[in-house]
Amino acid sequence: MLDWVPVADRIDLLAAPVAKAVPEVGVDLKVAEIDPALSDTAAFCARYGVAMEDSANCVIVAGKRGGEIRYAAVLVLADDRADVNGVVRRHLDVRKVSFAPQEEAVELTGMEYGGITPIGLPADWPVLVDENVTRRDFIVIGSGVRRSKLALSGKALVEATGAEVLSLAM
């Protein structure tokens, strides 16, 4: 079972950029410590009894247009896939979009791979959230590190990140 506590009580469980952003998010945000070996979504959900539809995955994508690289965070429910080559590509107005390479995503976000979260990302990166995420009263996301998870409502996630809500799921 997970021991969800107010994030302010366990700021040590967050990546530095996430901890820095938390005071500004203005939403009810909880954190729980987990086994870092179980941070991948399927293993986490199985071990801690969290339904896949109550967990959201955040991926960093990169697209190019006129020599400029455009990054974005994309969130969908764990049991969905994002339409990266359709909706996301068109929204970013790029010719081609792909998942950012692991090393690049880690370096640019200051977060651990497998724990990247939309809270604390560079301010100029759009956060694109699938509409199904916003319908959840309880959603689990990364904390920036593999040893913990954050929980909040889907609506609070949009509020905390200034996200754009789109129909992203395929």
N, C-alpha and C. Protein backbone atom coordinates (compact mmCIF):
# COMPACT_ATOMS: atom_id res chain seq x y z
N MET A 1 0.83 -1.18 0.00
CA MET A 1 0.00 0.00 0.00
C MET A 1 0.88 1.25 0.00
N LEU A 2 0.38 2.28 -0.62
CA LEU A 2 1.13 3.53 -0.70
C LEU A 2 0.76 4.46 0.45
N ASP A 3 1.75 5.17 0.96
CA ASP A 3 1.54 6.13 2.03
C ASP A 3 1.63 7.53 1.41
N TRP A 4 0.47 8.05 0.98
CA TRP A 4 0.42 9.37 0.35
C TRP A 4 0.47 10.45 1.42
N VAL A 5 1.42 11.36 1.30
CA VAL A 5 1.58 12.46 2.25
C VAL A 5 1.64 13.77 1.46
N PRO A 6 1.33 14.89 2.12
CA PRO A 6 1.47 16.17 1.42
C PRO A 6 2.91 16.34 0.93
N VAL A 7 3.05 16.83 -0.28
CA VAL A 7 4.37 16.93 -0.89
C VAL A 7 5.31 17.81 -0.05
N ALA A 8 4.77 18.80 0.63
CA ALA A 8 5.60 19.68 1.46
C ALA A 8 6.29 18.91 2.59
N ASP A 9 5.69 17.77 3.01
CA ASP A 9 6.26 16.97 4.09
C ASP A 9 7.42 16.10 3.62
N ARG A 10 7.53 15.86 2.30
CA ARG A 10 8.58 14.97 1.79
C ARG A 10 9.18 15.53 0.49
N ILE A 11 9.58 16.76 0.53
CA ILE A 11 10.18 17.41 -0.63
C ILE A 11 11.46 16.68 -1.05
N ASP A 12 12.05 15.92 -0.13
CA ASP A 12 13.26 15.14 -0.42
C ASP A 12 13.00 14.03 -1.43
N LEU A 13 11.74 13.71 -1.69
CA LEU A 13 11.40 12.65 -2.64
C LEU A 13 11.23 13.17 -4.06
N LEU A 14 11.58 14.42 -4.31
CA LEU A 14 11.38 15.03 -5.62
C LEU A 14 12.70 15.39 -6.28
N ALA A 15 12.71 15.38 -7.60
CA ALA A 15 13.86 15.90 -8.34
C ALA A 15 13.94 17.40 -8.09
N ALA A 16 15.11 17.98 -8.17
CA ALA A 16 15.32 19.40 -7.88
C ALA A 16 14.38 20.33 -8.65
N PRO A 17 14.20 20.16 -9.98
CA PRO A 17 13.30 21.08 -10.68
C PRO A 17 11.84 20.94 -10.23
N VAL A 18 11.45 19.75 -9.82
CA VAL A 18 10.08 19.53 -9.33
C VAL A 18 9.93 20.20 -7.97
N ALA A 19 10.89 20.00 -7.08
CA ALA A 19 10.85 20.62 -5.75
C ALA A 19 10.79 22.14 -5.86
N LYS A 20 11.52 22.69 -6.81
CA LYS A 20 11.54 24.14 -7.01
C LYS A 20 10.17 24.64 -7.51
N ALA A 21 9.49 23.85 -8.32
CA ALA A 21 8.21 24.25 -8.91
C ALA A 21 7.02 24.06 -7.96
N VAL A 22 7.14 23.14 -7.01
CA VAL A 22 6.01 22.78 -6.14
C VAL A 22 5.36 23.98 -5.44
N PRO A 23 6.12 24.92 -4.88
CA PRO A 23 5.45 26.04 -4.20
C PRO A 23 4.58 26.89 -5.13
N GLU A 24 4.85 26.83 -6.43
CA GLU A 24 4.11 27.64 -7.38
C GLU A 24 2.88 26.94 -7.97
N VAL A 25 2.73 25.62 -7.77
CA VAL A 25 1.65 24.90 -8.45
C VAL A 25 0.27 25.19 -7.88
N GLY A 26 0.19 25.45 -6.59
CA GLY A 26 -1.08 25.85 -5.99
C GLY A 26 -2.19 24.82 -6.03
N VAL A 27 -1.85 23.54 -6.00
CA VAL A 27 -2.87 22.49 -6.00
C VAL A 27 -2.53 21.47 -4.91
N ASP A 28 -3.52 20.65 -4.57
CA ASP A 28 -3.32 19.58 -3.59
C ASP A 28 -2.48 18.48 -4.24
N LEU A 29 -1.27 18.35 -3.81
CA LEU A 29 -0.31 17.42 -4.41
C LEU A 29 0.22 16.50 -3.32
N LYS A 30 0.13 15.20 -3.57
CA LYS A 30 0.61 14.20 -2.61
C LYS A 30 1.79 13.46 -3.22
N VAL A 31 2.64 12.89 -2.36
CA VAL A 31 3.79 12.11 -2.80
C VAL A 31 3.85 10.83 -1.97
N ALA A 32 4.32 9.75 -2.61
CA ALA A 32 4.52 8.48 -1.91
C ALA A 32 5.85 7.89 -2.36
N GLU A 33 6.57 7.37 -1.41
CA GLU A 33 7.84 6.70 -1.70
C GLU A 33 7.54 5.30 -2.24
N ILE A 34 8.32 4.89 -3.25
CA ILE A 34 8.16 3.55 -3.84
C ILE A 34 9.53 2.91 -4.04
N ASP A 35 9.52 1.65 -4.35
CA ASP A 35 10.74 0.93 -4.71
C ASP A 35 11.14 1.41 -6.11
N PRO A 36 12.33 2.02 -6.27
CA PRO A 36 12.72 2.54 -7.59
C PRO A 36 12.79 1.47 -8.67
N ALA A 37 12.97 0.23 -8.28
CA ALA A 37 13.00 -0.86 -9.27
C ALA A 37 11.60 -1.12 -9.84
N LEU A 38 10.58 -0.56 -9.19
CA LEU A 38 9.21 -0.77 -9.63
C LEU A 38 8.57 0.52 -10.17
N SER A 39 9.38 1.46 -10.62
CA SER A 39 8.81 2.74 -11.07
C SER A 39 8.19 2.67 -12.46
N ASP A 40 8.57 1.69 -13.28
CA ASP A 40 7.93 1.56 -14.59
C ASP A 40 6.44 1.27 -14.36
N THR A 41 5.61 1.85 -15.16
CA THR A 41 4.17 1.88 -14.91
C THR A 41 3.54 0.52 -14.63
N ALA A 42 3.77 -0.45 -15.49
CA ALA A 42 3.13 -1.75 -15.30
C ALA A 42 3.55 -2.40 -13.98
N ALA A 43 4.84 -2.36 -13.69
CA ALA A 43 5.34 -2.96 -12.44
C ALA A 43 4.81 -2.19 -11.24
N PHE A 44 4.80 -0.87 -11.32
CA PHE A 44 4.30 -0.03 -10.24
C PHE A 44 2.83 -0.34 -9.96
N CYS A 45 2.01 -0.33 -11.01
CA CYS A 45 0.58 -0.57 -10.84
C CYS A 45 0.31 -1.95 -10.25
N ALA A 46 1.02 -2.96 -10.74
CA ALA A 46 0.83 -4.32 -10.23
C ALA A 46 1.21 -4.43 -8.76
N ARG A 47 2.34 -3.87 -8.39
CA ARG A 47 2.85 -3.99 -7.02
C ARG A 47 2.04 -3.18 -6.01
N TYR A 48 1.64 -1.97 -6.41
CA TYR A 48 1.01 -1.07 -5.46
C TYR A 48 -0.52 -0.98 -5.61
N GLY A 49 -1.10 -1.80 -6.48
CA GLY A 49 -2.54 -1.86 -6.60
C GLY A 49 -3.18 -0.62 -7.19
N VAL A 50 -2.47 0.08 -8.05
CA VAL A 50 -3.01 1.27 -8.72
C VAL A 50 -3.48 0.84 -10.10
N ALA A 51 -4.72 1.18 -10.44
CA ALA A 51 -5.26 0.82 -11.76
C ALA A 51 -4.51 1.58 -12.84
N MET A 52 -4.31 0.95 -13.98
CA MET A 52 -3.62 1.60 -15.10
C MET A 52 -4.33 2.89 -15.48
N GLU A 53 -5.66 2.91 -15.40
CA GLU A 53 -6.38 4.14 -15.78
C GLU A 53 -6.25 5.24 -14.72
N ASP A 54 -5.61 4.94 -13.58
CA ASP A 54 -5.33 5.95 -12.57
C ASP A 54 -3.86 6.37 -12.59
N SER A 55 -3.17 5.98 -13.64
CA SER A 55 -1.76 6.32 -13.79
C SER A 55 -1.57 6.96 -15.16
N ALA A 56 -0.76 8.00 -15.22
CA ALA A 56 -0.49 8.66 -16.50
C ALA A 56 1.00 8.65 -16.78
N ASN A 57 1.33 8.43 -18.03
CA ASN A 57 2.72 8.45 -18.47
C ASN A 57 3.04 9.78 -19.12
N CYS A 58 4.21 10.30 -18.83
CA CYS A 58 4.69 11.54 -19.41
C CYS A 58 5.90 11.22 -20.29
N VAL A 59 5.81 11.60 -21.55
CA VAL A 59 6.95 11.43 -22.45
C VAL A 59 7.34 12.79 -23.00
N ILE A 60 8.62 12.93 -23.27
CA ILE A 60 9.14 14.16 -23.87
C ILE A 60 9.33 13.89 -25.35
N VAL A 61 8.75 14.77 -26.16
CA VAL A 61 8.88 14.65 -27.60
C VAL A 61 9.65 15.85 -28.14
N ALA A 62 10.25 15.66 -29.30
CA ALA A 62 10.99 16.72 -29.96
C ALA A 62 10.63 16.73 -31.43
N GLY A 63 10.42 17.92 -31.97
CA GLY A 63 10.13 18.07 -33.39
C GLY A 63 10.95 19.22 -33.94
N LYS A 64 11.21 19.17 -35.22
CA LYS A 64 11.99 20.23 -35.85
C LYS A 64 11.16 20.99 -36.86
N ARG A 65 11.42 22.29 -36.90
CA ARG A 65 10.80 23.16 -37.89
C ARG A 65 11.78 24.30 -38.16
N GLY A 66 12.23 24.41 -39.39
CA GLY A 66 13.15 25.48 -39.76
C GLY A 66 14.42 25.49 -38.94
N GLY A 67 14.96 24.33 -38.60
CA GLY A 67 16.19 24.23 -37.83
C GLY A 67 16.00 24.38 -36.33
N GLU A 68 14.80 24.75 -35.91
CA GLU A 68 14.49 24.91 -34.49
C GLU A 68 13.93 23.61 -33.94
N ILE A 69 14.43 23.19 -32.77
CA ILE A 69 13.88 22.01 -32.10
C ILE A 69 12.83 22.47 -31.11
N ARG A 70 11.65 21.87 -31.19
CA ARG A 70 10.55 22.19 -30.29
C ARG A 70 10.29 20.97 -29.40
N TYR A 71 10.36 21.17 -28.11
CA TYR A 71 10.11 20.11 -27.14
C TYR A 71 8.72 20.29 -26.53
N ALA A 72 8.16 19.18 -26.10
CA ALA A 72 6.88 19.20 -25.39
C ALA A 72 6.78 17.97 -24.51
N ALA A 73 5.98 18.09 -23.47
CA ALA A 73 5.63 16.94 -22.63
C ALA A 73 4.25 16.48 -23.06
N VAL A 74 4.09 15.17 -23.17
CA VAL A 74 2.82 14.59 -23.59
C VAL A 74 2.38 13.59 -22.52
N LEU A 75 1.15 13.75 -22.02
CA LEU A 75 0.63 12.85 -20.99
C LEU A 75 -0.63 12.16 -21.46
N VAL A 76 -0.63 10.85 -21.31
CA VAL A 76 -1.81 10.04 -21.57
C VAL A 76 -1.95 9.02 -20.44
N LEU A 77 -3.14 8.48 -20.28
CA LEU A 77 -3.33 7.42 -19.30
C LEU A 77 -2.42 6.25 -19.65
N ALA A 78 -2.01 5.51 -18.63
CA ALA A 78 -1.04 4.44 -18.82
C ALA A 78 -1.52 3.36 -19.79
N ASP A 79 -2.83 3.17 -19.92
CA ASP A 79 -3.31 2.14 -20.83
C ASP A 79 -3.67 2.70 -22.21
N ASP A 80 -3.25 3.95 -22.48
CA ASP A 80 -3.46 4.57 -23.80
C ASP A 80 -2.12 4.84 -24.47
N ARG A 81 -2.20 5.10 -25.77
CA ARG A 81 -1.02 5.53 -26.53
C ARG A 81 -1.33 6.90 -27.11
N ALA A 82 -0.32 7.77 -27.13
CA ALA A 82 -0.49 9.12 -27.66
C ALA A 82 -0.32 9.12 -29.17
N ASP A 83 -1.13 9.90 -29.84
CA ASP A 83 -1.04 10.08 -31.29
C ASP A 83 0.06 11.11 -31.57
N VAL A 84 1.29 10.68 -31.39
CA VAL A 84 2.44 11.57 -31.54
C VAL A 84 2.61 12.03 -32.98
N ASN A 85 2.46 11.12 -33.93
CA ASN A 85 2.69 11.47 -35.34
C ASN A 85 1.53 12.19 -36.00
N GLY A 86 0.41 12.30 -35.31
CA GLY A 86 -0.74 13.00 -35.86
C GLY A 86 -1.03 14.26 -35.06
N VAL A 87 -1.78 14.11 -33.97
CA VAL A 87 -2.23 15.25 -33.18
C VAL A 87 -1.05 16.07 -32.64
N VAL A 88 -0.08 15.40 -32.03
CA VAL A 88 1.05 16.12 -31.42
C VAL A 88 1.87 16.83 -32.49
N ARG A 89 2.18 16.16 -33.57
CA ARG A 89 2.96 16.76 -34.66
C ARG A 89 2.27 18.01 -35.20
N ARG A 90 0.99 17.90 -35.47
CA ARG A 90 0.25 19.05 -35.99
C ARG A 90 0.19 20.19 -34.97
N HIS A 91 -0.02 19.84 -33.71
CA HIS A 91 -0.12 20.86 -32.67
C HIS A 91 1.20 21.63 -32.51
N LEU A 92 2.30 20.93 -32.62
CA LEU A 92 3.61 21.57 -32.49
C LEU A 92 4.05 22.26 -33.79
N ASP A 93 3.28 22.02 -34.86
CA ASP A 93 3.59 22.60 -36.18
C ASP A 93 5.01 22.24 -36.62
N VAL A 94 5.30 20.93 -36.59
CA VAL A 94 6.59 20.43 -37.04
C VAL A 94 6.38 19.38 -38.12
N ARG A 95 7.40 19.18 -38.91
CA ARG A 95 7.32 18.20 -40.00
C ARG A 95 7.36 16.77 -39.47
N LYS A 96 8.17 16.57 -38.43
CA LYS A 96 8.36 15.24 -37.87
C LYS A 96 8.55 15.39 -36.37
N VAL A 97 7.97 14.49 -35.62
CA VAL A 97 8.13 14.50 -34.17
C VAL A 97 8.52 13.10 -33.72
N SER A 98 9.36 13.03 -32.71
CA SER A 98 9.76 11.73 -32.18
C SER A 98 10.01 11.87 -30.68
N PHE A 99 10.11 10.74 -30.02
CA PHE A 99 10.43 10.76 -28.60
C PHE A 99 11.85 11.30 -28.46
N ALA A 100 12.06 12.21 -27.53
CA ALA A 100 13.40 12.74 -27.29
C ALA A 100 14.29 11.61 -26.81
N PRO A 101 15.54 11.56 -27.26
CA PRO A 101 16.45 10.53 -26.77
C PRO A 101 16.57 10.60 -25.24
N GLN A 102 16.75 9.45 -24.63
CA GLN A 102 16.78 9.35 -23.17
C GLN A 102 17.78 10.32 -22.54
N GLU A 103 19.00 10.34 -23.01
CA GLU A 103 20.03 11.21 -22.42
C GLU A 103 19.64 12.68 -22.54
N GLU A 104 19.09 13.04 -23.68
CA GLU A 104 18.66 14.43 -23.92
C GLU A 104 17.51 14.81 -22.99
N ALA A 105 16.53 13.93 -22.86
CA ALA A 105 15.39 14.20 -21.98
C ALA A 105 15.85 14.38 -20.54
N VAL A 106 16.75 13.54 -20.08
CA VAL A 106 17.26 13.62 -18.72
C VAL A 106 18.04 14.91 -18.51
N GLU A 107 18.91 15.23 -19.45
CA GLU A 107 19.73 16.43 -19.32
C GLU A 107 18.88 17.71 -19.34
N LEU A 108 17.92 17.78 -20.24
CA LEU A 108 17.12 18.99 -20.38
C LEU A 108 16.11 19.19 -19.26
N THR A 109 15.63 18.11 -18.68
CA THR A 109 14.62 18.22 -17.62
C THR A 109 15.22 18.25 -16.22
N GLY A 110 16.42 17.69 -16.05
CA GLY A 110 17.00 17.57 -14.72
C GLY A 110 16.32 16.49 -13.90
N MET A 111 15.65 15.56 -14.61
CA MET A 111 14.91 14.49 -13.94
C MET A 111 15.45 13.13 -14.38
N GLU A 112 15.12 12.10 -13.62
CA GLU A 112 15.54 10.75 -13.96
C GLU A 112 14.62 10.15 -15.01
N TYR A 113 15.21 9.40 -15.93
CA TYR A 113 14.40 8.71 -16.93
C TYR A 113 13.52 7.70 -16.22
N GLY A 114 12.26 7.67 -16.57
CA GLY A 114 11.31 6.80 -15.88
C GLY A 114 10.60 7.52 -14.75
N GLY A 115 11.01 8.76 -14.49
CA GLY A 115 10.35 9.55 -13.44
C GLY A 115 9.97 10.94 -13.93
N ILE A 116 10.21 11.21 -15.21
CA ILE A 116 9.94 12.54 -15.74
C ILE A 116 8.47 12.89 -15.57
N THR A 117 8.24 14.12 -15.13
CA THR A 117 6.91 14.59 -14.82
C THR A 117 6.70 15.97 -15.45
N PRO A 118 5.46 16.38 -15.68
CA PRO A 118 5.23 17.69 -16.28
C PRO A 118 5.44 18.86 -15.32
N ILE A 119 5.54 18.60 -14.04
CA ILE A 119 5.75 19.66 -13.05
C ILE A 119 7.25 19.93 -12.95
N GLY A 120 7.63 21.16 -13.24
CA GLY A 120 9.05 21.52 -13.15
C GLY A 120 9.80 21.48 -14.46
N LEU A 121 9.08 21.32 -15.56
CA LEU A 121 9.73 21.33 -16.88
C LEU A 121 10.09 22.75 -17.28
N PRO A 122 10.98 22.91 -18.26
CA PRO A 122 11.27 24.26 -18.75
C PRO A 122 9.98 25.00 -19.11
N ALA A 123 9.90 26.26 -18.72
CA ALA A 123 8.68 27.05 -18.85
C ALA A 123 8.20 27.21 -20.29
N ASP A 124 9.10 27.14 -21.25
CA ASP A 124 8.69 27.34 -22.64
C ASP A 124 8.25 26.05 -23.34
N TRP A 125 8.24 24.95 -22.63
CA TRP A 125 7.77 23.69 -23.20
C TRP A 125 6.27 23.55 -23.00
N PRO A 126 5.52 23.30 -24.06
CA PRO A 126 4.10 23.03 -23.85
C PRO A 126 3.89 21.68 -23.16
N VAL A 127 2.87 21.62 -22.34
CA VAL A 127 2.45 20.37 -21.71
C VAL A 127 1.12 20.01 -22.35
N LEU A 128 1.09 18.88 -23.04
CA LEU A 128 -0.10 18.43 -23.75
C LEU A 128 -0.69 17.24 -22.99
N VAL A 129 -1.90 17.40 -22.52
CA VAL A 129 -2.54 16.37 -21.70
C VAL A 129 -3.77 15.84 -22.42
N ASP A 130 -3.86 14.52 -22.48
CA ASP A 130 -5.03 13.90 -23.09
C ASP A 130 -6.27 14.18 -22.24
N GLU A 131 -7.38 14.43 -22.91
CA GLU A 131 -8.63 14.76 -22.22
C GLU A 131 -9.05 13.67 -21.22
N ASN A 132 -8.71 12.42 -21.47
CA ASN A 132 -9.07 11.34 -20.54
C ASN A 132 -8.37 11.49 -19.19
N VAL A 133 -7.18 12.05 -19.18
CA VAL A 133 -6.45 12.28 -17.93
C VAL A 133 -7.22 13.28 -17.07
N THR A 134 -7.79 14.29 -17.70
CA THR A 134 -8.47 15.35 -16.95
C THR A 134 -9.76 14.87 -16.29
N ARG A 135 -10.26 13.74 -16.72
CA ARG A 135 -11.51 13.20 -16.15
C ARG A 135 -11.29 12.39 -14.88
N ARG A 136 -10.05 12.15 -14.53
CA ARG A 136 -9.73 11.32 -13.37
C ARG A 136 -9.67 12.19 -12.10
N ASP A 137 -10.31 11.72 -11.04
CA ASP A 137 -10.25 12.43 -9.75
C ASP A 137 -8.94 12.14 -9.02
N PHE A 138 -8.28 11.05 -9.42
CA PHE A 138 -7.02 10.64 -8.81
C PHE A 138 -6.14 10.12 -9.94
N ILE A 139 -4.97 10.74 -10.10
CA ILE A 139 -4.05 10.31 -11.14
C ILE A 139 -2.63 10.30 -10.56
N VAL A 140 -1.88 9.25 -10.88
CA VAL A 140 -0.51 9.10 -10.41
C VAL A 140 0.43 9.44 -11.56
N ILE A 141 1.41 10.30 -11.26
CA ILE A 141 2.42 10.69 -12.25
C ILE A 141 3.80 10.58 -11.61
N GLY A 142 4.81 10.75 -12.41
CA GLY A 142 6.18 10.73 -11.90
C GLY A 142 6.46 11.91 -10.98
N SER A 143 7.59 11.82 -10.29
CA SER A 143 8.00 12.89 -9.36
C SER A 143 9.33 13.50 -9.75
N GLY A 144 9.85 13.05 -10.89
CA GLY A 144 11.17 13.51 -11.33
C GLY A 144 12.28 12.54 -10.95
N VAL A 145 11.96 11.63 -10.03
CA VAL A 145 12.89 10.56 -9.63
C VAL A 145 12.13 9.24 -9.65
N ARG A 146 12.87 8.14 -9.67
CA ARG A 146 12.25 6.83 -9.77
C ARG A 146 11.78 6.30 -8.40
N ARG A 147 12.16 6.94 -7.33
CA ARG A 147 11.85 6.40 -5.99
C ARG A 147 10.56 6.94 -5.38
N SER A 148 9.78 7.68 -6.16
CA SER A 148 8.50 8.18 -5.63
C SER A 148 7.55 8.50 -6.77
N LYS A 149 6.29 8.72 -6.41
CA LYS A 149 5.25 9.11 -7.36
C LYS A 149 4.44 10.25 -6.75
N LEU A 150 3.85 11.05 -7.62
CA LEU A 150 2.97 12.13 -7.21
C LEU A 150 1.52 11.74 -7.52
N ALA A 151 0.59 12.29 -6.77
CA ALA A 151 -0.83 12.06 -7.03
C ALA A 151 -1.59 13.37 -6.89
N LEU A 152 -2.55 13.55 -7.80
CA LEU A 152 -3.43 14.71 -7.81
C LEU A 152 -4.59 14.40 -8.73
N SER A 153 -5.53 15.29 -8.85
CA SER A 153 -6.61 15.06 -9.80
C SER A 153 -6.17 15.49 -11.19
N GLY A 154 -6.86 14.99 -12.20
CA GLY A 154 -6.54 15.38 -13.57
C GLY A 154 -6.72 16.87 -13.80
N LYS A 155 -7.77 17.43 -13.22
CA LYS A 155 -8.00 18.87 -13.35
C LYS A 155 -6.90 19.67 -12.66
N ALA A 156 -6.46 19.20 -11.50
CA ALA A 156 -5.37 19.87 -10.78
C ALA A 156 -4.07 19.79 -11.58
N LEU A 157 -3.87 18.69 -12.28
CA LEU A 157 -2.68 18.54 -13.12
C LEU A 157 -2.65 19.63 -14.19
N VAL A 158 -3.77 19.85 -14.83
CA VAL A 158 -3.85 20.90 -15.85
C VAL A 158 -3.59 22.27 -15.23
N GLU A 159 -4.19 22.52 -14.08
CA GLU A 159 -3.99 23.79 -13.38
C GLU A 159 -2.53 23.98 -12.97
N ALA A 160 -1.91 22.93 -12.45
CA ALA A 160 -0.54 23.01 -11.95
C ALA A 160 0.49 23.23 -13.06
N THR A 161 0.18 22.78 -14.25
CA THR A 161 1.16 22.83 -15.35
C THR A 161 0.80 23.81 -16.45
N GLY A 162 -0.40 24.36 -16.40
CA GLY A 162 -0.83 25.23 -17.51
C GLY A 162 -0.98 24.44 -18.79
N ALA A 163 -1.31 23.17 -18.67
CA ALA A 163 -1.37 22.25 -19.80
C ALA A 163 -2.47 22.61 -20.79
N GLU A 164 -2.25 22.18 -22.01
CA GLU A 164 -3.25 22.25 -23.06
C GLU A 164 -3.92 20.89 -23.14
N VAL A 165 -5.23 20.85 -23.09
CA VAL A 165 -5.97 19.59 -23.13
C VAL A 165 -6.37 19.30 -24.57
N LEU A 166 -5.96 18.12 -25.02
CA LEU A 166 -6.23 17.69 -26.40
C LEU A 166 -6.76 16.26 -26.39
N SER A 167 -7.28 15.82 -27.52
CA SER A 167 -7.66 14.42 -27.69
C SER A 167 -6.45 13.70 -28.28
N LEU A 168 -5.61 13.15 -27.40
CA LEU A 168 -4.32 12.59 -27.79
C LEU A 168 -4.31 11.06 -27.92
N ALA A 169 -5.24 10.39 -27.23
CA ALA A 169 -5.21 8.93 -27.16
C ALA A 169 -5.59 8.31 -28.49
N MET A 170 -4.91 7.22 -28.79
CA MET A 170 -5.20 6.47 -30.01
C MET A 170 -6.00 5.24 -29.66
